Protein backbone atom coordinates (compact mmCIF):
# COMPACT_ATOMS: atom_id res chain seq x y z
CA LYS A 1 110.81 89.35 108.29
CA TRP A 2 108.35 89.28 111.16
CA ALA A 3 111.08 88.11 113.52
CA ILE A 4 113.31 91.00 112.44
CA ARG A 5 110.45 93.47 112.86
CA ALA A 6 109.61 92.10 116.30
CA ALA A 7 113.24 92.28 117.35
CA GLY A 8 113.47 95.85 116.07
CA LEU A 9 110.30 96.81 117.95
CA PHE A 10 111.59 95.19 121.14
CA LEU A 11 114.92 97.01 120.81
CA PHE A 12 113.12 100.33 120.25
CA ILE A 13 110.88 99.85 123.31
CA PHE A 14 113.84 98.75 125.44
CA THR A 15 115.90 101.76 124.34
CA CYS A 16 113.04 104.17 125.05
CA GLY A 17 112.48 102.61 128.46
CA PHE A 18 116.15 102.84 129.34
CA LEU A 19 116.44 106.47 128.22
CA ASP A 20 113.36 107.32 130.26
CA THR A 21 115.07 106.05 133.43
CA ILE A 22 118.12 108.28 132.93
CA LYS A 23 116.58 111.44 131.46
CA ASP A 24 116.86 113.29 134.77
CA ARG A 25 120.67 113.46 134.39
CA TRP A 26 120.17 116.01 131.61
CA TYR A 27 117.91 118.35 133.57
CA VAL A 28 119.44 121.72 134.39
CA PHE A 29 116.51 123.74 135.72
CA ASP A 30 114.95 123.16 139.12
CA PRO A 31 111.14 123.53 139.46
CA THR A 32 111.39 124.97 142.98
CA SER A 33 113.97 127.56 141.93
CA LEU A 34 111.86 128.59 138.95
CA HIS A 35 108.81 128.96 141.17
CA GLU A 36 110.79 131.19 143.51
CA LEU A 37 112.06 133.15 140.50
CA ALA A 38 108.48 133.69 139.33
CA LYS A 39 107.52 135.05 142.75
CA ASP A 40 110.62 137.25 142.81
CA ALA A 41 109.68 138.64 139.40
CA ILE A 42 106.20 139.52 140.67
CA ALA A 43 107.68 141.31 143.66
CA PHE A 44 110.32 143.03 141.51
CA SER A 45 107.86 144.38 138.92
CA PRO A 46 104.32 144.35 140.32
CA ASN A 47 101.65 145.06 137.67
CA ASN A 48 104.34 145.12 134.98
CA THR A 49 104.42 141.92 132.94
CA ALA A 50 107.24 143.10 130.68
CA GLY A 51 109.33 143.89 133.74
CA MET A 52 108.67 140.42 135.16
CA ILE A 53 109.83 138.79 131.94
CA GLU A 54 112.94 140.95 131.81
CA HIS A 55 113.74 140.02 135.42
CA ILE A 56 113.30 136.30 134.70
CA VAL A 57 115.51 136.32 131.59
CA ALA A 58 118.22 138.39 133.29
CA ASN A 59 118.23 136.05 136.29
CA LEU A 60 118.42 132.89 134.16
CA THR A 61 121.21 134.36 132.04
CA ALA A 62 123.20 135.27 135.14
CA THR A 63 122.57 131.94 136.86
CA TYR A 64 123.32 129.52 134.03
CA PRO A 65 126.57 129.92 132.03
CA SER A 66 126.29 129.92 128.25
CA THR A 67 128.71 126.99 128.12
CA ALA A 68 126.17 124.79 129.94
CA ILE A 69 122.83 125.92 128.55
CA SER A 70 121.52 128.26 125.86
CA ILE A 71 119.03 130.98 126.85
CA ASN A 72 117.11 132.92 124.21
CA THR A 73 117.33 136.55 125.34
CA ASP A 74 115.42 137.99 122.36
CA SER A 75 112.11 138.82 124.04
CA SER A 76 110.72 140.12 120.75
CA GLU A 77 110.31 136.55 119.47
CA TRP A 78 106.68 136.10 120.45
CA VAL A 79 104.57 133.68 118.41
CA PHE A 80 100.94 132.65 118.55
CA ASN A 81 100.28 129.18 119.93
CA ASN A 82 97.08 127.22 119.24
CA ALA A 83 96.91 123.92 121.11
CA GLY A 84 94.11 121.90 122.65
CA GLY A 85 91.55 124.50 121.60
CA ALA A 86 93.27 127.30 123.51
CA MET A 87 95.01 130.27 121.90
CA GLY A 88 97.71 132.48 123.35
CA ALA A 89 101.20 133.72 122.62
CA MET A 90 104.51 132.37 123.80
CA TYR A 91 108.12 133.47 124.08
CA ILE A 92 110.54 130.53 124.07
CA ILE A 93 113.29 131.24 126.61
CA HIS A 94 114.83 127.77 126.45
CA ALA A 95 114.17 124.64 124.41
CA SER A 96 116.13 121.41 124.48
CA ILE A 97 115.33 117.71 124.11
CA THR A 98 114.43 117.27 127.80
CA GLU A 99 113.36 120.74 128.97
CA TYR A 100 111.68 123.94 127.91
CA VAL A 101 111.02 127.27 129.60
CA ILE A 102 108.54 129.68 128.05
CA ILE A 103 106.35 132.63 128.86
CA PHE A 104 102.77 131.87 127.79
CA GLY A 105 99.64 133.92 128.07
CA THR A 106 97.07 136.22 126.54
CA PRO A 107 95.55 139.60 127.39
CA LEU A 108 92.18 138.33 126.13
CA GLY A 109 91.75 135.05 128.01
CA THR A 110 91.47 131.52 126.63
CA GLU A 111 90.36 127.99 127.52
CA GLY A 112 91.28 124.49 126.40
CA HIS A 113 92.76 121.05 126.98
CA THR A 114 96.24 120.66 128.51
CA GLY A 115 97.12 117.75 126.26
CA LEU A 116 98.41 114.31 127.26
CA HIS A 117 102.18 114.62 127.55
CA THR A 118 105.36 112.69 128.31
CA ALA A 119 106.65 115.58 130.42
CA ASP A 120 105.85 117.09 133.81
CA ASP A 121 104.51 120.62 133.46
CA TYR A 122 105.00 123.45 135.96
CA PHE A 123 102.79 126.49 135.29
CA ASN A 124 103.83 129.48 137.40
CA ILE A 125 101.24 132.25 137.25
CA LEU A 126 102.75 135.73 136.94
CA VAL A 127 99.66 137.88 136.37
CA GLY A 128 95.96 137.16 136.10
CA GLU A 129 94.37 133.91 137.19
CA GLN A 130 94.09 130.37 135.88
CA TRP A 131 91.39 127.84 136.65
CA ALA A 132 91.75 124.09 136.08
CA PHE A 133 89.64 120.97 136.37
CA ARG A 134 90.18 117.21 136.26
CA PRO A 135 87.46 114.66 135.42
CA GLY A 136 85.53 113.74 138.54
CA ALA A 137 86.40 116.90 140.45
CA LEU A 138 83.38 118.86 141.60
CA GLU A 139 85.31 122.03 142.37
CA MET A 140 87.79 123.88 140.23
CA GLU A 141 91.44 124.46 141.00
CA ARG A 142 92.22 128.19 141.29
CA TYR A 143 95.68 129.62 140.62
CA PRO A 144 96.31 133.32 141.35
CA PRO A 145 99.61 135.19 140.77
CA GLY A 146 102.55 133.52 142.50
CA SER A 147 100.93 130.09 142.57
CA LEU A 148 101.96 126.91 140.75
CA ASN A 149 99.75 124.61 138.70
CA PHE A 150 101.66 121.31 138.51
CA THR A 151 100.47 118.74 135.96
CA PRO A 152 102.41 115.45 136.07
CA ARG A 153 102.97 113.60 132.83
CA GLY A 154 100.04 111.40 131.84
CA ILE A 155 97.53 113.70 133.58
CA VAL A 156 95.08 115.83 131.60
CA LYS A 157 93.05 118.85 132.64
CA GLN A 158 90.70 121.43 131.27
CA TYR A 159 92.09 124.89 131.98
CA LYS A 160 91.03 128.48 131.62
CA MET A 161 93.27 131.54 131.62
CA HIS A 162 91.36 134.68 132.40
CA GLU A 163 91.83 138.06 130.78
CA GLY A 164 95.39 139.30 131.15
CA CYS A 165 96.90 136.02 132.37
CA PHE A 166 100.56 135.23 131.74
CA ALA A 167 102.71 132.46 133.20
CA LEU A 168 106.24 131.12 133.36
CA GLU A 169 105.90 127.55 132.11
CA TYR A 170 108.53 124.86 132.63
CA ALA A 171 108.31 121.34 131.23
CA ARG A 172 110.74 118.48 131.84
CA GLY A 173 110.59 115.16 130.03
CA TRP A 174 110.70 114.23 126.34
CA ILE A 175 109.93 117.57 124.72
CA PRO A 176 109.90 116.47 121.03
CA LEU A 177 106.94 114.19 121.82
CA MET A 178 104.98 117.29 122.90
CA ILE A 179 105.48 119.05 119.58
CA PRO A 180 102.66 117.30 117.63
CA PHE A 181 100.13 118.58 120.19
CA GLY A 182 101.58 122.06 119.88
CA PHE A 183 101.21 122.07 116.09
CA ALA A 184 98.01 120.04 115.60
CA ASP A 185 95.56 122.96 115.78
CA THR A 186 97.67 125.00 113.38
CA ILE A 187 97.83 122.18 110.85
CA THR A 188 94.18 121.12 111.07
CA SER A 189 92.39 124.37 111.90
CA THR A 190 94.06 127.80 111.75
CA LEU A 191 96.35 127.00 108.79
CA ASP A 192 98.56 129.84 109.99
CA ILE A 193 101.61 128.74 108.03
CA PRO A 194 103.80 131.78 108.84
CA THR A 195 103.31 131.17 112.58
CA PHE A 196 103.95 127.45 112.07
CA TYR A 197 107.21 128.26 110.29
CA ARG A 198 108.38 130.80 112.90
CA THR A 199 107.58 128.45 115.79
CA ALA A 200 109.32 125.49 114.14
CA ARG A 201 112.35 127.63 113.25
CA ILE A 202 112.79 129.08 116.73
CA THR A 203 112.25 125.72 118.43
CA ALA A 204 114.67 123.87 116.13
CA ARG A 205 117.25 126.64 116.44
CA GLU A 206 117.16 126.63 120.24
CA MET A 207 117.29 122.83 120.46
CA LEU A 208 120.23 122.73 118.04
CA LYS A 209 122.11 125.45 119.95
CA ASN A 210 121.73 123.40 123.13
CA LEU A 211 122.75 120.15 121.46
CA LEU A 212 125.90 121.84 120.15
CA ILE A 213 127.01 122.62 123.71
CA GLY A 214 126.06 119.16 124.96
CA LYS A 215 122.68 120.00 126.53
CA ILE A 216 120.20 117.24 125.67
């Protein structure tokens, strides 16, 4: 039995390692292009967050055909998100096994832990300002509108989003492994079951829609 279990564990680790080396073949979005899109949205609708979001969604819909990737154009699907001690709201524009694109922010401000993830995270500030800090740093990182806070996988930070801060966030890597962090505060603290259900439903729906057209 122990030999079978060891063989199964070895096969699982080998499979995970192999998939990790080829995951980039399933990426569709480009971090540089998304950063430029965020800056274009700021220029297109200065001081108008809703206009920025509309510009981003319209651009993504026009750029990527529906046969290659599914984009959620329903900008009314905002849900609260409690993770790492921080609270804000998010609108899921795209969610698949290897990528997600969301708008995240809060008009009130929030602060927390980024989480330890298996994905690279690109945080493009649209309005407001974000501060960040890594252990050992004696000065904070400051991110105004139009800037990018890049957090590679395996790196953790403390971050603070000031009043009225919203961002275009893009993550690439193994997205399902990020989900426990995204739900942990809801399960153990807020017990906001309706939000938990809506978030899980939207995420699962978007991932399934992408899988059905071959987007992993």
